[in-house]
Amino acid sequence: MDHVDITAPGLLLRPWRVTDSAAVLDALREPAIARWNPTRGVTDDLAGATDWVRHRADWSGGDHVSLAVTSAADGALLGSVSLHQIRGEDASIGYWTVAAARGAGVASRAVVALTTWAFAELRLHRIELCHAVANPASCRVAARAGYRAEGTLREAYRYGDGRRHDEHLHARLATDG
């Protein structure tokens, strides 16, 4: 899979670079990101963050696409958006945003941009978005990005806080309006 740059209003979604490692380390240490993202080993030091960046930047397995979400104006790292578990016509999407970018629609714009690209370029049919029920901000992102609620998965995932949480399952289909 070839690397791409994707634009959204005010954003540039681009492949990860090793030079992003320090900003990633800072971001993943932030309590809200750490709570909802398992980051064991990543937040220990710069080497762990660099390994995380290298893994995210390597799309050669065809099972994921991960992009840095940056400001189109100044290139500052605002977050991450990724397709995971790409299998045939299906995938899952995940994201996080740095504290300074929250509440400005960054996550929903990034999710819409990557979703639109994935339907067109990867010919995906279904993309799932799961988030902890206890994370209402992610529920708002899903709704704003056009992901319909499909149900609750009980104790479905162990988050960064070490606990298994119920998750809301949302999805978009290529055929959705």
C-alpha atoms as a PDB file:
ATOM      1  CA  MET A   1       0.000   0.000   0.000  1.00  0.00           C
ATOM      2  CA  ASP A   2       1.394   3.378  -0.971  1.00  0.00           C
ATOM      3  CA  HIS A   3       1.604   6.183   1.559  1.00  0.00           C
ATOM      4  CA  VAL A   4      -0.718   9.123   0.985  1.00  0.00           C
ATOM      5  CA  ASP A   5      -1.446  12.587   2.265  1.00  0.00           C
ATOM      6  CA  ILE A   6      -5.123  13.332   2.868  1.00  0.00           C
ATOM      7  CA  THR A   7      -6.509  16.795   3.456  1.00  0.00           C
ATOM      8  CA  ALA A   8      -9.523  17.915   5.455  1.00  0.00           C
ATOM      9  CA  PRO A   9     -10.546  21.464   6.377  1.00  0.00           C
ATOM     10  CA  GLY A  10      -7.607  22.877   8.340  1.00  0.00           C
ATOM     11  CA  LEU A  11      -5.893  19.474   8.538  1.00  0.00           C
ATOM     12  CA  LEU A  12      -3.240  17.417   6.810  1.00  0.00           C
ATOM     13  CA  LEU A  13      -3.302  13.677   7.461  1.00  0.00           C
ATOM     14  CA  ARG A  14       0.131  12.343   6.570  1.00  0.00           C
ATOM     15  CA  PRO A  15       2.298   9.285   7.175  1.00  0.00           C
ATOM     16  CA  TRP A  16       4.126   9.131  10.484  1.00  0.00           C
ATOM     17  CA  ARG A  17       7.769  10.236  10.612  1.00  0.00           C
ATOM     18  CA  VAL A  18      10.478   9.367  13.126  1.00  0.00           C
ATOM     19  CA  THR A  19      10.711  13.100  13.810  1.00  0.00           C
ATOM     20  CA  ASP A  20       7.186  12.831  15.319  1.00  0.00           C
ATOM     21  CA  SER A  21       8.457  10.611  18.145  1.00  0.00           C
ATOM     22  CA  ALA A  22       8.906  13.304  20.815  1.00  0.00           C
ATOM     23  CA  ALA A  23       5.445  14.768  20.134  1.00  0.00           C
ATOM     24  CA  VAL A  24       3.937  11.266  20.216  1.00  0.00           C
ATOM     25  CA  LEU A  25       5.629  10.555  23.541  1.00  0.00           C
ATOM     26  CA  ASP A  26       4.163  13.754  24.997  1.00  0.00           C
ATOM     27  CA  ALA A  27       0.712  13.019  23.573  1.00  0.00           C
ATOM     28  CA  LEU A  28       0.505   9.420  24.745  1.00  0.00           C
ATOM     29  CA  ARG A  29       1.540  10.437  28.255  1.00  0.00           C
ATOM     30  CA  GLU A  30      -1.430  12.816  28.473  1.00  0.00           C
ATOM     31  CA  PRO A  31      -3.950  11.249  30.938  1.00  0.00           C
ATOM     32  CA  ALA A  32      -7.025  11.257  28.668  1.00  0.00           C
ATOM     33  CA  ILE A  33      -5.132   9.636  25.797  1.00  0.00           C
ATOM     34  CA  ALA A  34      -3.414   7.152  28.112  1.00  0.00           C
ATOM     35  CA  ARG A  35      -6.747   6.162  29.670  1.00  0.00           C
ATOM     36  CA  TRP A  36      -8.388   5.206  26.382  1.00  0.00           C
ATOM     37  CA  ASN A  37      -5.344   3.841  24.513  1.00  0.00           C
ATOM     38  CA  PRO A  38      -3.205   0.922  25.630  1.00  0.00           C
ATOM     39  CA  THR A  39       0.294   2.405  25.400  1.00  0.00           C
ATOM     40  CA  ARG A  40       2.424   0.044  27.496  1.00  0.00           C
ATOM     41  CA  GLY A  41       6.062   0.468  26.550  1.00  0.00           C
ATOM     42  CA  VAL A  42       5.363   3.457  24.313  1.00  0.00           C
ATOM     43  CA  THR A  43       5.361   6.059  27.060  1.00  0.00           C
ATOM     44  CA  ASP A  44       8.462   4.788  28.848  1.00  0.00           C
ATOM     45  CA  ASP A  45      10.943   6.704  26.739  1.00  0.00           C
ATOM     46  CA  LEU A  46      11.695   8.187  23.343  1.00  0.00           C
ATOM     47  CA  ALA A  47      12.827   4.801  22.014  1.00  0.00           C
ATOM     48  CA  GLY A  48       9.393   3.316  22.780  1.00  0.00           C
ATOM     49  CA  ALA A  49       7.657   6.208  21.028  1.00  0.00           C
ATOM     50  CA  THR A  50       9.975   5.822  18.038  1.00  0.00           C
ATOM     51  CA  ASP A  51       9.103   2.120  17.798  1.00  0.00           C
ATOM     52  CA  TRP A  52       5.400   3.081  17.915  1.00  0.00           C
ATOM     53  CA  VAL A  53       5.908   5.603  15.084  1.00  0.00           C
ATOM     54  CA  ARG A  54       7.866   3.110  12.967  1.00  0.00           C
ATOM     55  CA  HIS A  55       5.185   0.452  13.386  1.00  0.00           C
ATOM     56  CA  ARG A  56       2.436   2.917  12.455  1.00  0.00           C
ATOM     57  CA  ALA A  57       4.416   4.121   9.427  1.00  0.00           C
ATOM     58  CA  ASP A  58       4.925   0.578   8.087  1.00  0.00           C
ATOM     59  CA  TRP A  59       1.902  -0.268   5.949  1.00  0.00           C
ATOM     60  CA  SER A  60       3.623  -3.178   4.189  1.00  0.00           C
ATOM     61  CA  GLY A  61       1.439  -5.826   5.851  1.00  0.00           C
ATOM     62  CA  GLY A  62      -1.708  -4.309   4.348  1.00  0.00           C
ATOM     63  CA  ASP A  63      -3.554  -4.680   7.664  1.00  0.00           C
ATOM     64  CA  HIS A  64      -3.464  -1.039   8.759  1.00  0.00           C
ATOM     65  CA  VAL A  65      -3.189   2.553   7.596  1.00  0.00           C
ATOM     66  CA  SER A  66      -2.089   5.032  10.243  1.00  0.00           C
ATOM     67  CA  LEU A  67      -1.703   8.777   9.774  1.00  0.00           C
ATOM     68  CA  ALA A  68      -0.548  11.711  11.840  1.00  0.00           C
ATOM     69  CA  VAL A  69      -3.230  14.379  12.043  1.00  0.00           C
ATOM     70  CA  THR A  70      -1.502  17.734  11.729  1.00  0.00           C
ATOM     71  CA  SER A  71      -2.436  21.375  11.403  1.00  0.00           C
ATOM     72  CA  ALA A  72      -2.510  22.444   7.759  1.00  0.00           C
ATOM     73  CA  ALA A  73      -1.308  25.884   8.885  1.00  0.00           C
ATOM     74  CA  ASP A  74       1.810  25.025  10.882  1.00  0.00           C
ATOM     75  CA  GLY A  75       2.275  21.235  10.798  1.00  0.00           C
ATOM     76  CA  ALA A  76       1.755  20.804  14.558  1.00  0.00           C
ATOM     77  CA  LEU A  77       0.722  17.313  15.625  1.00  0.00           C
ATOM     78  CA  LEU A  78      -2.955  17.352  16.593  1.00  0.00           C
ATOM     79  CA  GLY A  79      -3.635  13.638  16.778  1.00  0.00           C
ATOM     80  CA  SER A  80      -3.779  10.279  15.092  1.00  0.00           C
ATOM     81  CA  VAL A  81      -6.284   8.447  12.906  1.00  0.00           C
ATOM     82  CA  SER A  82      -5.880   4.845  11.824  1.00  0.00           C
ATOM     83  CA  LEU A  83      -7.596   1.992  10.078  1.00  0.00           C
ATOM     84  CA  HIS A  84      -6.893  -1.298  11.847  1.00  0.00           C
ATOM     85  CA  GLN A  85      -7.745  -4.907  11.191  1.00  0.00           C
ATOM     86  CA  ILE A  86      -8.159  -4.369   7.468  1.00  0.00           C
ATOM     87  CA  ARG A  87      -9.529  -7.670   6.179  1.00  0.00           C
ATOM     88  CA  GLY A  88     -11.086  -7.865   2.756  1.00  0.00           C
ATOM     89  CA  GLU A  89     -13.775  -5.178   2.607  1.00  0.00           C
ATOM     90  CA  ASP A  90     -13.867  -4.522   6.372  1.00  0.00           C
ATOM     91  CA  ALA A  91     -11.804  -2.503   8.854  1.00  0.00           C
ATOM     92  CA  SER A  92     -11.933  -0.678  12.177  1.00  0.00           C
ATOM     93  CA  ILE A  93     -11.042   2.963  12.750  1.00  0.00           C
ATOM     94  CA  GLY A  94      -9.463   4.612  15.780  1.00  0.00           C
ATOM     95  CA  TYR A  95      -8.217   8.071  16.687  1.00  0.00           C
ATOM     96  CA  TRP A  96      -6.971  10.364  19.420  1.00  0.00           C
ATOM     97  CA  THR A  97      -6.356  14.084  19.687  1.00  0.00           C
ATOM     98  CA  VAL A  98      -4.000  16.111  21.823  1.00  0.00           C
ATOM     99  CA  ALA A  99      -5.619  18.175  24.579  1.00  0.00           C
ATOM    100  CA  ALA A 100      -5.192  21.478  22.723  1.00  0.00           C
ATOM    101  CA  ALA A 101      -7.105  20.130  19.695  1.00  0.00           C
ATOM    102  CA  ARG A 102     -10.137  18.753  21.536  1.00  0.00           C
ATOM    103  CA  GLY A 103     -13.515  20.345  21.040  1.00  0.00           C
ATOM    104  CA  ALA A 104     -12.596  21.836  17.659  1.00  0.00           C
ATOM    105  CA  GLY A 105     -13.879  19.005  15.441  1.00  0.00           C
ATOM    106  CA  VAL A 106     -10.389  17.713  14.637  1.00  0.00           C
ATOM    107  CA  ALA A 107     -11.188  14.063  15.354  1.00  0.00           C
ATOM    108  CA  SER A 108     -14.461  14.034  13.418  1.00  0.00           C
ATOM    109  CA  ARG A 109     -12.906  15.777  10.390  1.00  0.00           C
ATOM    110  CA  ALA A 110      -9.980  13.331  10.420  1.00  0.00           C
ATOM    111  CA  VAL A 111     -12.305  10.317  10.728  1.00  0.00           C
ATOM    112  CA  VAL A 112     -14.482  11.559   7.851  1.00  0.00           C
ATOM    113  CA  ALA A 113     -11.423  12.183   5.655  1.00  0.00           C
ATOM    114  CA  LEU A 114      -9.865   8.761   6.270  1.00  0.00           C
ATOM    115  CA  THR A 115     -13.234   7.012   5.921  1.00  0.00           C
ATOM    116  CA  THR A 116     -13.935   8.719   2.586  1.00  0.00           C
ATOM    117  CA  TRP A 117     -10.454   7.798   1.330  1.00  0.00           C
ATOM    118  CA  ALA A 118     -10.806   4.177   2.514  1.00  0.00           C
ATOM    119  CA  PHE A 119     -14.124   3.665   0.761  1.00  0.00           C
ATOM    120  CA  ALA A 120     -12.787   5.152  -2.486  1.00  0.00           C
ATOM    121  CA  GLU A 121      -9.212   3.866  -2.566  1.00  0.00           C
ATOM    122  CA  LEU A 122      -9.265   0.631  -0.553  1.00  0.00           C
ATOM    123  CA  ARG A 123     -12.764  -0.278  -1.729  1.00  0.00           C
ATOM    124  CA  LEU A 124     -13.832  -1.052   1.830  1.00  0.00           C
ATOM    125  CA  HIS A 125     -17.504  -1.741   2.417  1.00  0.00           C
ATOM    126  CA  ARG A 126     -17.782  -1.549   6.238  1.00  0.00           C
ATOM    127  CA  ILE A 127     -15.745   0.357   8.816  1.00  0.00           C
ATOM    128  CA  GLU A 128     -16.435  -0.137  12.512  1.00  0.00           C
ATOM    129  CA  LEU A 129     -15.724   2.395  15.240  1.00  0.00           C
ATOM    130  CA  CYS A 130     -15.741   1.205  18.859  1.00  0.00           C
ATOM    131  CA  HIS A 131     -15.254   3.351  21.934  1.00  0.00           C
ATOM    132  CA  ALA A 132     -15.686   2.907  25.663  1.00  0.00           C
ATOM    133  CA  VAL A 133     -19.209   3.717  26.813  1.00  0.00           C
ATOM    134  CA  ALA A 134     -17.552   5.863  29.504  1.00  0.00           C
ATOM    135  CA  ASN A 135     -16.005   8.063  26.778  1.00  0.00           C
ATOM    136  CA  PRO A 136     -18.920  10.229  25.568  1.00  0.00           C
ATOM    137  CA  ALA A 137     -16.610  12.505  23.544  1.00  0.00           C
ATOM    138  CA  SER A 138     -15.845   9.559  21.248  1.00  0.00           C
ATOM    139  CA  CYS A 139     -19.553   8.899  20.874  1.00  0.00           C
ATOM    140  CA  ARG A 140     -19.957  12.486  19.627  1.00  0.00           C
ATOM    141  CA  VAL A 141     -17.075  12.000  17.169  1.00  0.00           C
ATOM    142  CA  ALA A 142     -18.716   8.847  15.807  1.00  0.00           C
ATOM    143  CA  ALA A 143     -22.068  10.582  15.340  1.00  0.00           C
ATOM    144  CA  ARG A 144     -20.541  13.670  13.689  1.00  0.00           C
ATOM    145  CA  ALA A 145     -18.543  11.439  11.335  1.00  0.00           C
ATOM    146  CA  GLY A 146     -21.690   9.626  10.202  1.00  0.00           C
ATOM    147  CA  TYR A 147     -21.080   6.371  12.070  1.00  0.00           C
ATOM    148  CA  ARG A 148     -24.409   4.887  13.116  1.00  0.00           C
ATOM    149  CA  ALA A 149     -24.778   3.315  16.565  1.00  0.00           C
ATOM    150  CA  GLU A 150     -25.300  -0.438  16.335  1.00  0.00           C
ATOM    151  CA  GLY A 151     -25.140  -1.622  19.934  1.00  0.00           C
ATOM    152  CA  THR A 152     -23.144  -2.203  23.085  1.00  0.00           C
ATOM    153  CA  LEU A 153     -20.410  -4.800  23.431  1.00  0.00           C
ATOM    154  CA  ARG A 154     -20.097  -5.893  27.054  1.00  0.00           C
ATOM    155  CA  GLU A 155     -16.600  -5.718  28.572  1.00  0.00           C
ATOM    156  CA  ALA A 156     -15.220  -5.923  25.056  1.00  0.00           C
ATOM    157  CA  TYR A 157     -11.833  -4.243  25.376  1.00  0.00           C
ATOM    158  CA  ARG A 158      -9.102  -3.628  27.938  1.00  0.00           C
ATOM    159  CA  TYR A 159      -8.207   0.053  27.760  1.00  0.00           C
ATOM    160  CA  GLY A 160      -5.132   1.925  28.930  1.00  0.00           C
ATOM    161  CA  ASP A 161      -6.498   2.084  32.479  1.00  0.00           C
ATOM    162  CA  GLY A 162      -6.120  -1.717  32.618  1.00  0.00           C
ATOM    163  CA  ARG A 163      -9.858  -2.362  32.951  1.00  0.00           C
ATOM    164  CA  ARG A 164     -12.227  -4.048  30.525  1.00  0.00           C
ATOM    165  CA  HIS A 165     -14.917  -1.599  29.441  1.00  0.00           C
ATOM    166  CA  ASP A 166     -18.245  -1.934  27.692  1.00  0.00           C
ATOM    167  CA  GLU A 167     -18.015  -0.442  24.214  1.00  0.00           C
ATOM    168  CA  HIS A 168     -20.420   1.231  21.867  1.00  0.00           C
ATOM    169  CA  LEU A 169     -20.204  -0.182  18.353  1.00  0.00           C
ATOM    170  CA  HIS A 170     -20.770   2.233  15.479  1.00  0.00           C
ATOM    171  CA  ALA A 171     -20.283   1.575  11.770  1.00  0.00           C
ATOM    172  CA  ARG A 172     -20.396   3.182   8.363  1.00  0.00           C
ATOM    173  CA  LEU A 173     -21.045   1.399   5.112  1.00  0.00           C
ATOM    174  CA  ALA A 174     -19.829   2.528   1.724  1.00  0.00           C
ATOM    175  CA  THR A 175     -23.514   2.614   0.750  1.00  0.00           C
ATOM    176  CA  ASP A 176     -24.511   5.001   3.574  1.00  0.00           C
ATOM    177  CA  GLY A 177     -25.572   8.441   2.398  1.00  0.00           C
END
